[in-house]
PDB file of N, CA and C in Angstrom:
ATOM      1  N   UNK A   1     -17.781  15.724  30.542  1.00  0.00           N
ATOM      2  CA  UNK A   1     -18.181  16.042  29.173  1.00  0.00           C
ATOM      3  C   UNK A   1     -17.337  17.188  28.621  1.00  0.00           C
ATOM      4  N   UNK A   2     -17.081  18.210  29.442  1.00  0.00           N
ATOM      5  CA  UNK A   2     -16.286  19.347  28.985  1.00  0.00           C
ATOM      6  C   UNK A   2     -14.873  18.935  28.609  1.00  0.00           C
ATOM      7  N   UNK A   3     -14.318  17.948  29.343  1.00  0.00           N
ATOM      8  CA  UNK A   3     -12.973  17.480  29.007  1.00  0.00           C
ATOM      9  C   UNK A   3     -12.942  16.858  27.619  1.00  0.00           C
ATOM     10  N   UNK A   4     -13.970  16.098  27.296  1.00  0.00           N
ATOM     11  CA  UNK A   4     -14.047  15.472  25.970  1.00  0.00           C
ATOM     12  C   UNK A   4     -14.200  16.548  24.900  1.00  0.00           C
ATOM     13  N   UNK A   5     -15.076  17.527  25.154  1.00  0.00           N
ATOM     14  CA  UNK A   5     -15.271  18.609  24.194  1.00  0.00           C
ATOM     15  C   UNK A   5     -13.994  19.424  24.026  1.00  0.00           C
ATOM     16  N   UNK A   6     -13.254  19.646  25.120  1.00  0.00           N
ATOM     17  CA  UNK A   6     -11.962  20.327  25.035  1.00  0.00           C
ATOM     18  C   UNK A   6     -10.997  19.538  24.169  1.00  0.00           C
ATOM     19  N   UNK A   7     -10.957  18.254  24.382  1.00  0.00           N
ATOM     20  CA  UNK A   7     -10.035  17.381  23.664  1.00  0.00           C
ATOM     21  C   UNK A   7     -10.254  17.420  22.155  1.00  0.00           C
ATOM     22  N   UNK A   8     -11.503  17.466  21.730  1.00  0.00           N
ATOM     23  CA  UNK A   8     -11.795  17.481  20.288  1.00  0.00           C
ATOM     24  C   UNK A   8     -12.053  18.896  19.749  1.00  0.00           C
ATOM     25  N   UNK A   9     -11.820  19.907  20.579  1.00  0.00           N
ATOM     26  CA  UNK A   9     -11.909  21.296  20.129  1.00  0.00           C
ATOM     27  C   UNK A   9     -13.313  21.845  19.961  1.00  0.00           C
ATOM     28  N   UNK A  10     -14.272  21.311  20.702  1.00  0.00           N
ATOM     29  CA  UNK A  10     -15.653  21.756  20.548  1.00  0.00           C
ATOM     30  C   UNK A  10     -16.227  22.426  21.793  1.00  0.00           C
ATOM     31  N   UNK A  11     -15.406  22.761  22.751  1.00  0.00           N
ATOM     32  CA  UNK A  11     -15.906  23.282  24.023  1.00  0.00           C
ATOM     33  C   UNK A  11     -16.441  24.705  23.932  1.00  0.00           C
ATOM     34  N   UNK A  12     -15.970  25.498  22.981  1.00  0.00           N
ATOM     35  CA  UNK A  12     -16.377  26.899  22.913  1.00  0.00           C
ATOM     36  C   UNK A  12     -17.523  27.160  21.940  1.00  0.00           C
ATOM     37  N   UNK A  13     -18.229  26.117  21.557  1.00  0.00           N
ATOM     38  CA  UNK A  13     -19.337  26.278  20.623  1.00  0.00           C
ATOM     39  C   UNK A  13     -20.627  26.654  21.350  1.00  0.00           C
ATOM     40  N   UNK A  14     -21.455  27.443  20.662  1.00  0.00           N
ATOM     41  CA  UNK A  14     -22.796  27.677  21.189  1.00  0.00           C
ATOM     42  C   UNK A  14     -23.601  26.391  20.961  1.00  0.00           C
ATOM     43  N   UNK A  15     -24.775  26.321  21.540  1.00  0.00           N
ATOM     44  CA  UNK A  15     -25.611  25.142  21.364  1.00  0.00           C
ATOM     45  C   UNK A  15     -25.976  24.945  19.897  1.00  0.00           C
ATOM     46  N   UNK A  16     -26.316  26.034  19.205  1.00  0.00           N
ATOM     47  CA  UNK A  16     -26.679  25.952  17.789  1.00  0.00           C
ATOM     48  C   UNK A  16     -25.480  25.494  16.961  1.00  0.00           C
ATOM     49  N   UNK A  17     -24.299  26.039  17.255  1.00  0.00           N
ATOM     50  CA  UNK A  17     -23.096  25.584  16.538  1.00  0.00           C
ATOM     51  C   UNK A  17     -22.828  24.108  16.801  1.00  0.00           C
ATOM     52  N   UNK A  18     -23.039  23.683  18.038  1.00  0.00           N
ATOM     53  CA  UNK A  18     -22.840  22.272  18.387  1.00  0.00           C
ATOM     54  C   UNK A  18     -23.812  21.388  17.593  1.00  0.00           C
ATOM     55  N   UNK A  19     -25.069  21.845  17.447  1.00  0.00           N
ATOM     56  CA  UNK A  19     -26.042  21.087  16.649  1.00  0.00           C
ATOM     57  C   UNK A  19     -25.592  20.985  15.197  1.00  0.00           C
ATOM     58  N   UNK A  20     -25.054  22.079  14.637  1.00  0.00           N
ATOM     59  CA  UNK A  20     -24.571  22.047  13.261  1.00  0.00           C
ATOM     60  C   UNK A  20     -23.397  21.079  13.095  1.00  0.00           C
ATOM     61  N   UNK A  21     -22.468  21.110  14.048  1.00  0.00           N
ATOM     62  CA  UNK A  21     -21.326  20.185  13.988  1.00  0.00           C
ATOM     63  C   UNK A  21     -21.819  18.745  14.107  1.00  0.00           C
ATOM     64  N   UNK A  22     -22.808  18.517  14.958  1.00  0.00           N
ATOM     65  CA  UNK A  22     -23.390  17.177  15.101  1.00  0.00           C
ATOM     66  C   UNK A  22     -24.042  16.745  13.789  1.00  0.00           C
ATOM     67  N   UNK A  23     -24.784  17.643  13.162  1.00  0.00           N
ATOM     68  CA  UNK A  23     -25.431  17.364  11.874  1.00  0.00           C
ATOM     69  C   UNK A  23     -24.385  17.001  10.814  1.00  0.00           C
ATOM     70  N   UNK A  24     -23.329  17.793  10.716  1.00  0.00           N
ATOM     71  CA  UNK A  24     -22.269  17.519   9.745  1.00  0.00           C
ATOM     72  C   UNK A  24     -21.563  16.205  10.027  1.00  0.00           C
ATOM     73  N   UNK A  25     -21.360  15.907  11.299  1.00  0.00           N
ATOM     74  CA  UNK A  25     -20.711  14.647  11.680  1.00  0.00           C
ATOM     75  C   UNK A  25     -21.592  13.456  11.328  1.00  0.00           C
ATOM     76  N   UNK A  26     -22.881  13.570  11.546  1.00  0.00           N
ATOM     77  CA  UNK A  26     -23.807  12.493  11.166  1.00  0.00           C
ATOM     78  C   UNK A  26     -23.725  12.258   9.651  1.00  0.00           C
ATOM     79  N   UNK A  27     -23.685  13.332   8.879  1.00  0.00           N
ATOM     80  CA  UNK A  27     -23.543  13.204   7.432  1.00  0.00           C
ATOM     81  C   UNK A  27     -22.267  12.465   7.060  1.00  0.00           C
ATOM     82  N   UNK A  28     -21.172  12.816   7.713  1.00  0.00           N
ATOM     83  CA  UNK A  28     -19.898  12.145   7.438  1.00  0.00           C
ATOM     84  C   UNK A  28     -19.938  10.673   7.843  1.00  0.00           C
ATOM     85  N   UNK A  29     -20.589  10.379   8.960  1.00  0.00           N
ATOM     86  CA  UNK A  29     -20.693   8.978   9.402  1.00  0.00           C
ATOM     87  C   UNK A  29     -21.532   8.147   8.433  1.00  0.00           C
ATOM     88  N   UNK A  30     -22.627   8.726   7.949  1.00  0.00           N
ATOM     89  CA  UNK A  30     -23.446   8.025   6.954  1.00  0.00           C
ATOM     90  C   UNK A  30     -22.627   7.806   5.689  1.00  0.00           C
ATOM     91  N   UNK A  31     -21.913   8.847   5.266  1.00  0.00           N
ATOM     92  CA  UNK A  31     -21.084   8.758   4.070  1.00  0.00           C
ATOM     93  C   UNK A  31     -19.987   7.699   4.253  1.00  0.00           C
ATOM     94  N   UNK A  32     -19.343   7.681   5.404  1.00  0.00           N
ATOM     95  CA  UNK A  32     -18.290   6.702   5.666  1.00  0.00           C
ATOM     96  C   UNK A  32     -18.838   5.283   5.744  1.00  0.00           C
ATOM     97  N   UNK A  33     -20.049   5.127   6.257  1.00  0.00           N
ATOM     98  CA  UNK A  33     -20.624   3.783   6.434  1.00  0.00           C
ATOM     99  C   UNK A  33     -20.741   3.030   5.113  1.00  0.00           C
ATOM    100  N   UNK A  34     -20.764   3.759   4.001  1.00  0.00           N
ATOM    101  CA  UNK A  34     -20.860   3.107   2.702  1.00  0.00           C
ATOM    102  C   UNK A  34     -19.691   2.164   2.468  1.00  0.00           C
ATOM    103  N   UNK A  35     -18.513   2.524   2.978  1.00  0.00           N
ATOM    104  CA  UNK A  35     -17.336   1.663   2.789  1.00  0.00           C
ATOM    105  C   UNK A  35     -17.441   0.398   3.612  1.00  0.00           C
ATOM    106  N   UNK A  36     -18.003   0.508   4.792  1.00  0.00           N
ATOM    107  CA  UNK A  36     -18.219  -0.681   5.619  1.00  0.00           C
ATOM    108  C   UNK A  36     -19.247  -1.595   4.944  1.00  0.00           C
ATOM    109  N   UNK A  37     -20.308  -1.009   4.416  1.00  0.00           N
ATOM    110  CA  UNK A  37     -21.336  -1.774   3.711  1.00  0.00           C
ATOM    111  C   UNK A  37     -20.733  -2.472   2.494  1.00  0.00           C
ATOM    112  N   UNK A  38     -19.924  -1.754   1.722  1.00  0.00           N
ATOM    113  CA  UNK A  38     -19.319  -2.336   0.531  1.00  0.00           C
ATOM    114  C   UNK A  38     -18.367  -3.467   0.911  1.00  0.00           C
ATOM    115  N   UNK A  39     -17.551  -3.252   1.926  1.00  0.00           N
ATOM    116  CA  UNK A  39     -16.611  -4.280   2.374  1.00  0.00           C
ATOM    117  C   UNK A  39     -17.367  -5.526   2.846  1.00  0.00           C
ATOM    118  N   UNK A  40     -18.387  -5.330   3.664  1.00  0.00           N
ATOM    119  CA  UNK A  40     -19.160  -6.452   4.193  1.00  0.00           C
ATOM    120  C   UNK A  40     -19.859  -7.211   3.055  1.00  0.00           C
ATOM    121  N   UNK A  41     -20.435  -6.478   2.113  1.00  0.00           N
ATOM    122  CA  UNK A  41     -21.117  -7.123   0.983  1.00  0.00           C
ATOM    123  C   UNK A  41     -20.139  -7.909   0.122  1.00  0.00           C
ATOM    124  N   UNK A  42     -18.966  -7.370  -0.101  1.00  0.00           N
ATOM    125  CA  UNK A  42     -17.954  -8.077  -0.888  1.00  0.00           C
ATOM    126  C   UNK A  42     -17.472  -9.329  -0.167  1.00  0.00           C
ATOM    127  N   UNK A  43     -17.272  -9.233   1.135  1.00  0.00           N
ATOM    128  CA  UNK A  43     -16.864 -10.407   1.908  1.00  0.00           C
ATOM    129  C   UNK A  43     -17.943 -11.483   1.859  1.00  0.00           C
ATOM    130  N   UNK A  44     -19.173 -11.059   1.967  1.00  0.00           N
ATOM    131  CA  UNK A  44     -20.303 -11.997   1.955  1.00  0.00           C
ATOM    132  C   UNK A  44     -20.416 -12.708   0.603  1.00  0.00           C
ATOM    133  N   UNK A  45     -20.213 -11.967  -0.488  1.00  0.00           N
ATOM    134  CA  UNK A  45     -20.359 -12.565  -1.815  1.00  0.00           C
ATOM    135  C   UNK A  45     -19.046 -13.138  -2.356  1.00  0.00           C
ATOM    136  N   UNK A  46     -17.958 -12.934  -1.617  1.00  0.00           N
ATOM    137  CA  UNK A  46     -16.633 -13.442  -2.019  1.00  0.00           C
ATOM    138  C   UNK A  46     -16.155 -12.863  -3.354  1.00  0.00           C
ATOM    139  N   UNK A  47     -16.654 -11.691  -3.703  1.00  0.00           N
ATOM    140  CA  UNK A  47     -16.226 -10.971  -4.902  1.00  0.00           C
ATOM    141  C   UNK A  47     -16.448  -9.482  -4.655  1.00  0.00           C
ATOM    142  N   UNK A  48     -15.768  -8.653  -5.411  1.00  0.00           N
ATOM    143  CA  UNK A  48     -15.975  -7.215  -5.262  1.00  0.00           C
ATOM    144  C   UNK A  48     -17.399  -6.872  -5.689  1.00  0.00           C
ATOM    145  N   UNK A  49     -18.127  -6.225  -4.795  1.00  0.00           N
ATOM    146  CA  UNK A  49     -19.552  -5.973  -5.037  1.00  0.00           C
ATOM    147  C   UNK A  49     -19.929  -4.638  -4.415  1.00  0.00           C
ATOM    148  N   UNK A  50     -20.667  -3.819  -5.170  1.00  0.00           N
ATOM    149  CA  UNK A  50     -21.163  -2.541  -4.651  1.00  0.00           C
ATOM    150  C   UNK A  50     -22.686  -2.621  -4.599  1.00  0.00           C
ATOM    151  N   UNK A  51     -23.254  -2.760  -3.396  1.00  0.00           N
ATOM    152  CA  UNK A  51     -24.713  -2.866  -3.276  1.00  0.00           C
ATOM    153  C   UNK A  51     -25.394  -1.508  -3.440  1.00  0.00           C
ATOM    154  N   UNK A  52     -26.690  -1.539  -3.674  1.00  0.00           N
ATOM    155  CA  UNK A  52     -27.466  -0.299  -3.813  1.00  0.00           C
ATOM    156  C   UNK A  52     -27.362   0.560  -2.553  1.00  0.00           C
ATOM    157  N   UNK A  53     -27.281  -0.082  -1.398  1.00  0.00           N
ATOM    158  CA  UNK A  53     -27.184   0.688  -0.147  1.00  0.00           C
ATOM    159  C   UNK A  53     -25.928   1.557  -0.106  1.00  0.00           C
ATOM    160  N   UNK A  54     -24.864   1.141  -0.796  1.00  0.00           N
ATOM    161  CA  UNK A  54     -23.651   1.955  -0.914  1.00  0.00           C
ATOM    162  C   UNK A  54     -23.987   3.293  -1.554  1.00  0.00           C
ATOM    163  N   UNK A  55     -24.755   3.250  -2.647  1.00  0.00           N
ATOM    164  CA  UNK A  55     -25.096   4.477  -3.360  1.00  0.00           C
ATOM    165  C   UNK A  55     -26.075   5.338  -2.563  1.00  0.00           C
ATOM    166  N   UNK A  56     -27.001   4.699  -1.841  1.00  0.00           N
ATOM    167  CA  UNK A  56     -27.925   5.473  -1.008  1.00  0.00           C
ATOM    168  C   UNK A  56     -27.193   6.156   0.140  1.00  0.00           C
ATOM    169  N   UNK A  57     -26.259   5.467   0.786  1.00  0.00           N
ATOM    170  CA  UNK A  57     -25.461   6.099   1.856  1.00  0.00           C
ATOM    171  C   UNK A  57     -24.620   7.237   1.284  1.00  0.00           C
ATOM    172  N   UNK A  58     -24.094   7.037   0.080  1.00  0.00           N
ATOM    173  CA  UNK A  58     -23.325   8.096  -0.580  1.00  0.00           C
ATOM    174  C   UNK A  58     -24.198   9.318  -0.809  1.00  0.00           C
ATOM    175  N   UNK A  59     -25.402   9.096  -1.316  1.00  0.00           N
ATOM    176  CA  UNK A  59     -26.307  10.199  -1.632  1.00  0.00           C
ATOM    177  C   UNK A  59     -26.787  10.918  -0.368  1.00  0.00           C
ATOM    178  N   UNK A  60     -27.283  10.166   0.590  1.00  0.00           N
ATOM    179  CA  UNK A  60     -27.811  10.786   1.818  1.00  0.00           C
ATOM    180  C   UNK A  60     -26.690  11.488   2.587  1.00  0.00           C
ATOM    181  N   UNK A  61     -25.574  10.799   2.765  1.00  0.00           N
ATOM    182  CA  UNK A  61     -24.437  11.411   3.456  1.00  0.00           C
ATOM    183  C   UNK A  61     -23.923  12.628   2.715  1.00  0.00           C
ATOM    184  N   UNK A  62     -23.890  12.542   1.376  1.00  0.00           N
ATOM    185  CA  UNK A  62     -23.441  13.667   0.570  1.00  0.00           C
ATOM    186  C   UNK A  62     -24.351  14.876   0.675  1.00  0.00           C
ATOM    187  N   UNK A  63     -25.655  14.647   0.682  1.00  0.00           N
ATOM    188  CA  UNK A  63     -26.611  15.763   0.800  1.00  0.00           C
ATOM    189  C   UNK A  63     -26.478  16.427   2.175  1.00  0.00           C
ATOM    190  N   UNK A  64     -26.412  15.623   3.228  1.00  0.00           N
ATOM    191  CA  UNK A  64     -26.252  16.193   4.576  1.00  0.00           C
ATOM    192  C   UNK A  64     -24.947  16.974   4.671  1.00  0.00           C
ATOM    193  N   UNK A  65     -23.883  16.407   4.130  1.00  0.00           N
ATOM    194  CA  UNK A  65     -22.585  17.070   4.180  1.00  0.00           C
ATOM    195  C   UNK A  65     -22.588  18.342   3.334  1.00  0.00           C
ATOM    196  N   UNK A  66     -23.292  18.324   2.194  1.00  0.00           N
ATOM    197  CA  UNK A  66     -23.411  19.531   1.373  1.00  0.00           C
ATOM    198  C   UNK A  66     -24.129  20.643   2.138  1.00  0.00           C
ATOM    199  N   UNK A  67     -25.192  20.295   2.829  1.00  0.00           N
ATOM    200  CA  UNK A  67     -25.914  21.292   3.637  1.00  0.00           C
ATOM    201  C   UNK A  67     -24.992  21.877   4.698  1.00  0.00           C
ATOM    202  N   UNK A  68     -24.236  21.006   5.359  1.00  0.00           N
ATOM    203  CA  UNK A  68     -23.288  21.486   6.378  1.00  0.00           C
ATOM    204  C   UNK A  68     -22.203  22.357   5.746  1.00  0.00           C
ATOM    205  N   UNK A  69     -21.668  21.938   4.602  1.00  0.00           N
ATOM    206  CA  UNK A  69     -20.628  22.716   3.923  1.00  0.00           C
ATOM    207  C   UNK A  69     -21.153  24.099   3.539  1.00  0.00           C
ATOM    208  N   UNK A  70     -22.410  24.154   3.101  1.00  0.00           N
ATOM    209  CA  UNK A  70     -23.030  25.445   2.787  1.00  0.00           C
ATOM    210  C   UNK A  70     -23.131  26.299   4.041  1.00  0.00           C
ATOM    211  N   UNK A  71     -23.522  25.676   5.148  1.00  0.00           N
ATOM    212  CA  UNK A  71     -23.649  26.410   6.407  1.00  0.00           C
ATOM    213  C   UNK A  71     -22.316  27.022   6.835  1.00  0.00           C
ATOM    214  N   UNK A  72     -21.232  26.286   6.683  1.00  0.00           N
ATOM    215  CA  UNK A  72     -19.924  26.824   7.107  1.00  0.00           C
ATOM    216  C   UNK A  72     -19.282  27.669   6.010  1.00  0.00           C
ATOM    217  N   UNK A  73     -19.902  27.703   4.819  1.00  0.00           N
ATOM    218  CA  UNK A  73     -19.418  28.559   3.742  1.00  0.00           C
ATOM    219  C   UNK A  73     -18.144  28.076   3.074  1.00  0.00           C
ATOM    220  N   UNK A  74     -17.995  26.771   2.958  1.00  0.00           N
ATOM    221  CA  UNK A  74     -16.795  26.212   2.337  1.00  0.00           C
ATOM    222  C   UNK A  74     -17.086  25.815   0.894  1.00  0.00           C
ATOM    223  N   UNK A  75     -16.707  26.693  -0.051  1.00  0.00           N
ATOM    224  CA  UNK A  75     -16.973  26.420  -1.457  1.00  0.00           C
ATOM    225  C   UNK A  75     -16.307  25.133  -1.944  1.00  0.00           C
ATOM    226  N   UNK A  76     -15.027  24.881  -1.645  1.00  0.00           N
ATOM    227  CA  UNK A  76     -14.427  23.630  -2.126  1.00  0.00           C
ATOM    228  C   UNK A  76     -15.153  22.390  -1.609  1.00  0.00           C
ATOM    229  N   UNK A  77     -15.584  22.431  -0.362  1.00  0.00           N
ATOM    230  CA  UNK A  77     -16.325  21.334   0.260  1.00  0.00           C
ATOM    231  C   UNK A  77     -17.678  21.161  -0.432  1.00  0.00           C
ATOM    232  N   UNK A  78     -18.365  22.292  -0.709  1.00  0.00           N
ATOM    233  CA  UNK A  78     -19.660  22.241  -1.398  1.00  0.00           C
ATOM    234  C   UNK A  78     -19.501  21.698  -2.816  1.00  0.00           C
ATOM    235  N   UNK A  79     -18.474  22.148  -3.523  1.00  0.00           N
ATOM    236  CA  UNK A  79     -18.247  21.708  -4.891  1.00  0.00           C
ATOM    237  C   UNK A  79     -18.012  20.199  -4.955  1.00  0.00           C
ATOM    238  N   UNK A  80     -17.161  19.701  -4.074  1.00  0.00           N
ATOM    239  CA  UNK A  80     -16.864  18.265  -4.052  1.00  0.00           C
ATOM    240  C   UNK A  80     -18.121  17.450  -3.775  1.00  0.00           C
ATOM    241  N   UNK A  81     -18.919  17.892  -2.814  1.00  0.00           N
ATOM    242  CA  UNK A  81     -20.136  17.151  -2.482  1.00  0.00           C
ATOM    243  C   UNK A  81     -21.161  17.234  -3.607  1.00  0.00           C
ATOM    244  N   UNK A  82     -21.301  18.398  -4.225  1.00  0.00           N
ATOM    245  CA  UNK A  82     -22.282  18.566  -5.292  1.00  0.00           C
ATOM    246  C   UNK A  82     -21.947  17.668  -6.488  1.00  0.00           C
ATOM    247  N   UNK A  83     -20.678  17.600  -6.855  1.00  0.00           N
ATOM    248  CA  UNK A  83     -20.270  16.724  -7.960  1.00  0.00           C
ATOM    249  C   UNK A  83     -20.546  15.274  -7.602  1.00  0.00           C
ATOM    250  N   UNK A  84     -20.211  14.898  -6.369  1.00  0.00           N
ATOM    251  CA  UNK A  84     -20.475  13.527  -5.927  1.00  0.00           C
ATOM    252  C   UNK A  84     -21.952  13.183  -5.963  1.00  0.00           C
ATOM    253  N   UNK A  85     -22.794  14.105  -5.538  1.00  0.00           N
ATOM    254  CA  UNK A  85     -24.240  13.866  -5.516  1.00  0.00           C
ATOM    255  C   UNK A  85     -24.757  13.573  -6.924  1.00  0.00           C
ATOM    256  N   UNK A  86     -24.228  14.258  -7.921  1.00  0.00           N
ATOM    257  CA  UNK A  86     -24.622  13.991  -9.306  1.00  0.00           C
ATOM    258  C   UNK A  86     -24.254  12.553  -9.676  1.00  0.00           C
ATOM    259  N   UNK A  87     -23.037  12.138  -9.339  1.00  0.00           N
ATOM    260  CA  UNK A  87     -22.580  10.781  -9.657  1.00  0.00           C
ATOM    261  C   UNK A  87     -23.420   9.733  -8.935  1.00  0.00           C
ATOM    262  N   UNK A  88     -23.676   9.930  -7.637  1.00  0.00           N
ATOM    263  CA  UNK A  88     -24.459   8.949  -6.860  1.00  0.00           C
ATOM    264  C   UNK A  88     -25.885   8.849  -7.400  1.00  0.00           C
ATOM    265  N   UNK A  89     -26.468  10.000  -7.729  1.00  0.00           N
ATOM    266  CA  UNK A  89     -27.828  10.005  -8.274  1.00  0.00           C
ATOM    267  C   UNK A  89     -27.880   9.289  -9.615  1.00  0.00           C
ATOM    268  N   UNK A  90     -26.902   9.537 -10.452  1.00  0.00           N
ATOM    269  CA  UNK A  90     -26.865   8.898 -11.765  1.00  0.00           C
ATOM    270  C   UNK A  90     -26.726   7.387 -11.622  1.00  0.00           C
ATOM    271  N   UNK A  91     -25.868   6.928 -10.713  1.00  0.00           N
ATOM    272  CA  UNK A  91     -25.719   5.491 -10.505  1.00  0.00           C
ATOM    273  C   UNK A  91     -27.026   4.863 -10.027  1.00  0.00           C
ATOM    274  N   UNK A  92     -27.711   5.523  -9.105  1.00  0.00           N
ATOM    275  CA  UNK A  92     -29.007   5.001  -8.642  1.00  0.00           C
ATOM    276  C   UNK A  92     -30.017   4.971  -9.778  1.00  0.00           C
ATOM    277  N   UNK A  93     -30.042   6.016 -10.599  1.00  0.00           N
ATOM    278  CA  UNK A  93     -30.943   6.056 -11.745  1.00  0.00           C
ATOM    279  C   UNK A  93     -30.666   4.888 -12.695  1.00  0.00           C
ATOM    280  N   UNK A  94     -29.403   4.648 -12.994  1.00  0.00           N
ATOM    281  CA  UNK A  94     -29.039   3.550 -13.884  1.00  0.00           C
ATOM    282  C   UNK A  94     -29.430   2.195 -13.301  1.00  0.00           C
ATOM    283  N   UNK A  95     -29.212   2.022 -12.010  1.00  0.00           N
ATOM    284  CA  UNK A  95     -29.560   0.754 -11.350  1.00  0.00           C
ATOM    285  C   UNK A  95     -31.061   0.515 -11.399  1.00  0.00           C
ATOM    286  N   UNK A  96     -31.852   1.523 -11.025  1.00  0.00           N
ATOM    287  CA  UNK A  96     -33.303   1.353 -11.000  1.00  0.00           C
ATOM    288  C   UNK A  96     -33.876   1.229 -12.414  1.00  0.00           C
ATOM    289  N   UNK A  97     -33.285   1.921 -13.370  1.00  0.00           N
ATOM    290  CA  UNK A  97     -33.734   1.803 -14.752  1.00  0.00           C
ATOM    291  C   UNK A  97     -33.501   0.375 -15.256  1.00  0.00           C
ATOM    292  N   UNK A  98     -32.327  -0.177 -14.967  1.00  0.00           N
ATOM    293  CA  UNK A  98     -32.018  -1.547 -15.383  1.00  0.00           C
ATOM    294  C   UNK A  98     -32.959  -2.543 -14.712  1.00  0.00           C
ATOM    295  N   UNK A  99     -33.229  -2.333 -13.431  1.00  0.00           N
ATOM    296  CA  UNK A  99     -34.154  -3.226 -12.721  1.00  0.00           C
ATOM    297  C   UNK A  99     -35.557  -3.161 -13.318  1.00  0.00           C
ATOM    298  N   UNK A 100     -36.009  -1.972 -13.682  1.00  0.00           N
ATOM    299  CA  UNK A 100     -37.331  -1.824 -14.310  1.00  0.00           C
ATOM    300  C   UNK A 100     -37.378  -2.507 -15.671  1.00  0.00           C
ATOM    301  N   UNK A 101     -36.288  -2.395 -16.438  1.00  0.00           N
ATOM    302  CA  UNK A 101     -36.238  -3.060 -17.743  1.00  0.00           C
ATOM    303  C   UNK A 101     -36.280  -4.577 -17.578  1.00  0.00           C
ATOM    304  N   UNK A 102     -35.556  -5.092 -16.599  1.00  0.00           N
ATOM    305  CA  UNK A 102     -35.581  -6.546 -16.333  1.00  0.00           C
ATOM    306  C   UNK A 102     -36.982  -6.985 -15.948  1.00  0.00           C
ATOM    307  N   UNK A 103     -37.635  -6.227 -15.085  1.00  0.00           N
ATOM    308  CA  UNK A 103     -38.993  -6.577 -14.644  1.00  0.00           C
ATOM    309  C   UNK A 103     -39.996  -6.501 -15.780  1.00  0.00           C
ATOM    310  N   UNK A 104     -39.850  -5.531 -16.664  1.00  0.00           N
ATOM    311  CA  UNK A 104     -40.804  -5.399 -17.764  1.00  0.00           C
ATOM    312  C   UNK A 104     -40.635  -6.545 -18.779  1.00  0.00           C
ATOM    313  N   UNK A 105     -39.441  -7.073 -18.907  1.00  0.00           N
ATOM    314  CA  UNK A 105     -39.220  -8.217 -19.801  1.00  0.00           C
ATOM    315  C   UNK A 105     -39.812  -9.498 -19.248  1.00  0.00           C
ATOM    316  N   UNK A 106     -39.956  -9.563 -17.939  1.00  0.00           N
ATOM    317  CA  UNK A 106     -40.537 -10.746 -17.304  1.00  0.00           C
ATOM    318  C   UNK A 106     -42.048 -10.789 -17.485  1.00  0.00           C
ATOM    319  N   UNK A 107     -42.677  -9.659 -17.707  1.00  0.00           N
ATOM    320  CA  UNK A 107     -44.147  -9.597 -17.780  1.00  0.00           C
ATOM    321  C   UNK A 107     -44.632  -9.566 -19.182  1.00  0.00           C
TER     322      UNK A 107
END
């Protein structure tokens, strides 16, 4: 295990620091998974398609990454994530608002 941690530069971390790096990495993995979801959905529908899960992964991954960026004190990282979170939230709001309007017209 130490060899792997040495290889990726994480061997000298305290346990708490290791937990923070793990938390930030999970956020990045959730954020990255949105591209796999989008690619798979587009392949399935045979057209370019962005599913709602793309926006949820963007939002959740972005929030986790923002928390991590705040912890490490990286203003540029925090700024980028905060702006993204606004965009992801707005897209989800627009999607759910449109769905509610469609449902209300059916009733």
